[in-house]
Amino acid sequence: QVQLRESGGGLVQAGDSLRLSCAASGRTFRRYAMGWFRQAPGKERDFVAAISWGDRLSYADSVKGRFTISRDKAKNTVALQMNSVKPEDTAVYYCAADPTIERLQLNLGAYWGQGTQVTVSS
């Protein structure tokens, strides 16, 4: 059974930092791209960031310069370092995996986690 499990969400204040992690299990994600998405209440799911197997990076304009995606290929994990968070970053954050980063950039993914809540207070 393939699982992507997010962790690290919580309640923080504007300007704080938060680190999300996603652990993949059930199969190897060798040569898969990994990504992060978020969905705020009443809104559609948005692309946040992605990293290809070759470490090519992609970010949404709204998080460039504040968020950093990274992965540990040996441990099958991907992380999202969130700095200088804003109230508008409040959302459920999802981890996803797909053979191509291009599909993740199109808000598509072969595998998805259950999500972790991030709430930023002003």
C-alpha atoms as a PDB file:
ATOM      1  CA  GLN A   1       0.000   0.000   0.000  1.00  0.00           C
ATOM      2  CA  VAL A   2       1.449   3.304  -1.113  1.00  0.00           C
ATOM      3  CA  GLN A   3       1.363   6.011   1.502  1.00  0.00           C
ATOM      4  CA  LEU A   4       2.439   9.606   1.638  1.00  0.00           C
ATOM      5  CA  ARG A   5       2.218  10.933   5.161  1.00  0.00           C
ATOM      6  CA  GLU A   6       2.615  14.616   5.967  1.00  0.00           C
ATOM      7  CA  SER A   7       3.657  15.992   9.330  1.00  0.00           C
ATOM      8  CA  GLY A   8       4.771  19.248  10.887  1.00  0.00           C
ATOM      9  CA  GLY A   9       1.656  21.354  10.537  1.00  0.00           C
ATOM     10  CA  GLY A  10       0.346  23.522  13.320  1.00  0.00           C
ATOM     11  CA  LEU A  11      -0.559  26.991  14.512  1.00  0.00           C
ATOM     12  CA  VAL A  12       2.070  29.702  14.113  1.00  0.00           C
ATOM     13  CA  GLN A  13       2.189  33.465  14.076  1.00  0.00           C
ATOM     14  CA  ALA A  14       2.838  35.621  11.052  1.00  0.00           C
ATOM     15  CA  GLY A  15       6.553  35.914  10.422  1.00  0.00           C
ATOM     16  CA  ASP A  16       7.371  32.573  12.023  1.00  0.00           C
ATOM     17  CA  SER A  17       8.915  29.525  10.363  1.00  0.00           C
ATOM     18  CA  LEU A  18       7.511  26.043   9.975  1.00  0.00           C
ATOM     19  CA  ARG A  19       8.873  22.869   8.427  1.00  0.00           C
ATOM     20  CA  LEU A  20       6.609  20.290   6.837  1.00  0.00           C
ATOM     21  CA  SER A  21       7.752  16.766   6.117  1.00  0.00           C
ATOM     22  CA  CYS A  22       6.343  14.020   3.939  1.00  0.00           C
ATOM     23  CA  ALA A  23       7.368  10.395   4.270  1.00  0.00           C
ATOM     24  CA  ALA A  24       6.690   7.966   1.442  1.00  0.00           C
ATOM     25  CA  SER A  25       6.240   4.280   2.041  1.00  0.00           C
ATOM     26  CA  GLY A  26       4.903   1.233   0.279  1.00  0.00           C
ATOM     27  CA  ARG A  27       7.007   1.653  -2.814  1.00  0.00           C
ATOM     28  CA  THR A  28      10.120   3.381  -3.954  1.00  0.00           C
ATOM     29  CA  PHE A  29       9.715   6.808  -5.504  1.00  0.00           C
ATOM     30  CA  ARG A  30      12.953   6.562  -7.382  1.00  0.00           C
ATOM     31  CA  ARG A  31      12.844   8.906 -10.368  1.00  0.00           C
ATOM     32  CA  TYR A  32       9.575  10.438  -9.147  1.00  0.00           C
ATOM     33  CA  ALA A  33       9.055  14.147  -8.713  1.00  0.00           C
ATOM     34  CA  MET A  34       7.639  15.223  -5.353  1.00  0.00           C
ATOM     35  CA  GLY A  35       5.586  18.274  -4.592  1.00  0.00           C
ATOM     36  CA  TRP A  36       3.570  20.288  -2.128  1.00  0.00           C
ATOM     37  CA  PHE A  37       0.109  21.715  -2.632  1.00  0.00           C
ATOM     38  CA  ARG A  38      -2.321  23.579  -0.423  1.00  0.00           C
ATOM     39  CA  GLN A  39      -6.028  24.135  -0.163  1.00  0.00           C
ATOM     40  CA  ALA A  40      -7.553  26.965   1.828  1.00  0.00           C
ATOM     41  CA  PRO A  41     -11.177  26.782   3.015  1.00  0.00           C
ATOM     42  CA  GLY A  42     -13.578  27.395   0.164  1.00  0.00           C
ATOM     43  CA  LYS A  43     -10.798  27.486  -2.416  1.00  0.00           C
ATOM     44  CA  GLU A  44      -9.321  25.125  -4.951  1.00  0.00           C
ATOM     45  CA  ARG A  45      -6.130  23.232  -4.370  1.00  0.00           C
ATOM     46  CA  ASP A  46      -3.066  25.214  -5.455  1.00  0.00           C
ATOM     47  CA  PHE A  47       0.420  24.169  -6.469  1.00  0.00           C
ATOM     48  CA  VAL A  48       3.078  25.330  -3.985  1.00  0.00           C
ATOM     49  CA  ALA A  49       6.405  23.738  -4.881  1.00  0.00           C
ATOM     50  CA  ALA A  50       7.934  20.707  -6.538  1.00  0.00           C
ATOM     51  CA  ILE A  51      11.282  19.023  -6.961  1.00  0.00           C
ATOM     52  CA  SER A  52      12.196  16.597  -9.720  1.00  0.00           C
ATOM     53  CA  TRP A  53      14.332  13.509  -9.320  1.00  0.00           C
ATOM     54  CA  GLY A  54      17.131  15.523 -10.877  1.00  0.00           C
ATOM     55  CA  ASP A  55      16.581  18.272  -8.275  1.00  0.00           C
ATOM     56  CA  ARG A  56      14.962  20.753 -10.615  1.00  0.00           C
ATOM     57  CA  LEU A  57      12.901  23.136  -8.489  1.00  0.00           C
ATOM     58  CA  SER A  58       9.607  24.857  -9.153  1.00  0.00           C
ATOM     59  CA  TYR A  59       7.717  27.319  -6.931  1.00  0.00           C
ATOM     60  CA  ALA A  60       4.469  29.197  -7.028  1.00  0.00           C
ATOM     61  CA  ASP A  61       5.047  32.946  -7.261  1.00  0.00           C
ATOM     62  CA  SER A  62       3.279  33.455  -3.943  1.00  0.00           C
ATOM     63  CA  VAL A  63       5.928  31.490  -2.021  1.00  0.00           C
ATOM     64  CA  LYS A  64       9.135  32.269  -3.946  1.00  0.00           C
ATOM     65  CA  GLY A  65      11.839  33.523  -1.632  1.00  0.00           C
ATOM     66  CA  ARG A  66       9.993  32.302   1.461  1.00  0.00           C
ATOM     67  CA  PHE A  67       9.506  28.544   0.996  1.00  0.00           C
ATOM     68  CA  THR A  68      12.139  25.953   0.143  1.00  0.00           C
ATOM     69  CA  ILE A  69      11.485  22.402  -0.990  1.00  0.00           C
ATOM     70  CA  SER A  70      14.049  19.670  -0.489  1.00  0.00           C
ATOM     71  CA  ARG A  71      14.184  15.897  -0.586  1.00  0.00           C
ATOM     72  CA  ASP A  72      16.157  13.055   0.900  1.00  0.00           C
ATOM     73  CA  LYS A  73      16.249  10.379  -1.770  1.00  0.00           C
ATOM     74  CA  ALA A  74      17.703   7.754   0.538  1.00  0.00           C
ATOM     75  CA  LYS A  75      14.935   8.231   3.098  1.00  0.00           C
ATOM     76  CA  ASN A  76      12.115   8.728   0.575  1.00  0.00           C
ATOM     77  CA  THR A  77      11.121  12.024   2.171  1.00  0.00           C
ATOM     78  CA  VAL A  78      10.412  15.547   0.995  1.00  0.00           C
ATOM     79  CA  ALA A  79      10.309  18.667   3.127  1.00  0.00           C
ATOM     80  CA  LEU A  80       8.910  22.166   2.808  1.00  0.00           C
ATOM     81  CA  GLN A  81      10.673  24.851   4.831  1.00  0.00           C
ATOM     82  CA  MET A  82       8.274  27.740   5.283  1.00  0.00           C
ATOM     83  CA  ASN A  83       9.781  31.042   6.392  1.00  0.00           C
ATOM     84  CA  SER A  84       8.155  34.423   6.963  1.00  0.00           C
ATOM     85  CA  VAL A  85       4.724  32.832   6.900  1.00  0.00           C
ATOM     86  CA  LYS A  86       1.670  34.990   6.304  1.00  0.00           C
ATOM     87  CA  PRO A  87      -1.991  34.556   7.265  1.00  0.00           C
ATOM     88  CA  GLU A  88      -2.726  33.837   3.607  1.00  0.00           C
ATOM     89  CA  ASP A  89      -0.527  30.731   3.873  1.00  0.00           C
ATOM     90  CA  THR A  90      -3.226  29.173   6.057  1.00  0.00           C
ATOM     91  CA  ALA A  91      -4.387  25.969   4.378  1.00  0.00           C
ATOM     92  CA  VAL A  92      -4.256  22.212   4.424  1.00  0.00           C
ATOM     93  CA  TYR A  93      -0.936  21.235   2.868  1.00  0.00           C
ATOM     94  CA  TYR A  94      -0.693  18.079   0.790  1.00  0.00           C
ATOM     95  CA  CYS A  95       2.286  16.106  -0.414  1.00  0.00           C
ATOM     96  CA  ALA A  96       2.171  14.429  -3.828  1.00  0.00           C
ATOM     97  CA  ALA A  97       4.341  12.299  -6.053  1.00  0.00           C
ATOM     98  CA  ASP A  98       4.359  11.856  -9.804  1.00  0.00           C
ATOM     99  CA  PRO A  99       6.732  10.589 -12.475  1.00  0.00           C
ATOM    100  CA  THR A 100       7.037  14.107 -13.908  1.00  0.00           C
ATOM    101  CA  ILE A 101       7.414  17.550 -12.345  1.00  0.00           C
ATOM    102  CA  GLU A 102       5.378  18.959 -15.230  1.00  0.00           C
ATOM    103  CA  ARG A 103       2.271  17.106 -14.057  1.00  0.00           C
ATOM    104  CA  LEU A 104       2.772  18.358 -10.516  1.00  0.00           C
ATOM    105  CA  GLN A 105       3.036  21.905 -11.875  1.00  0.00           C
ATOM    106  CA  LEU A 106      -0.353  21.282 -13.494  1.00  0.00           C
ATOM    107  CA  ASN A 107      -1.808  20.324 -10.117  1.00  0.00           C
ATOM    108  CA  LEU A 108      -1.809  16.639 -10.989  1.00  0.00           C
ATOM    109  CA  GLY A 109      -0.225  13.743  -9.146  1.00  0.00           C
ATOM    110  CA  ALA A 110      -0.209   9.990  -9.102  1.00  0.00           C
ATOM    111  CA  TYR A 111      -0.082   9.702  -5.323  1.00  0.00           C
ATOM    112  CA  TRP A 112      -1.372  12.020  -2.601  1.00  0.00           C
ATOM    113  CA  GLY A 113      -1.115  12.312   1.145  1.00  0.00           C
ATOM    114  CA  GLN A 114      -3.947  13.085   3.552  1.00  0.00           C
ATOM    115  CA  GLY A 115      -2.767  16.585   4.338  1.00  0.00           C
ATOM    116  CA  THR A 116      -1.610  18.566   7.352  1.00  0.00           C
ATOM    117  CA  GLN A 117      -3.191  21.782   8.606  1.00  0.00           C
ATOM    118  CA  VAL A 118      -1.166  24.973   8.747  1.00  0.00           C
ATOM    119  CA  THR A 119      -2.747  27.968  10.438  1.00  0.00           C
ATOM    120  CA  VAL A 120      -1.019  31.339  10.539  1.00  0.00           C
ATOM    121  CA  SER A 121      -2.377  33.924  12.915  1.00  0.00           C
ATOM    122  CA  SER A 122      -1.866  37.645  12.362  1.00  0.00           C
END
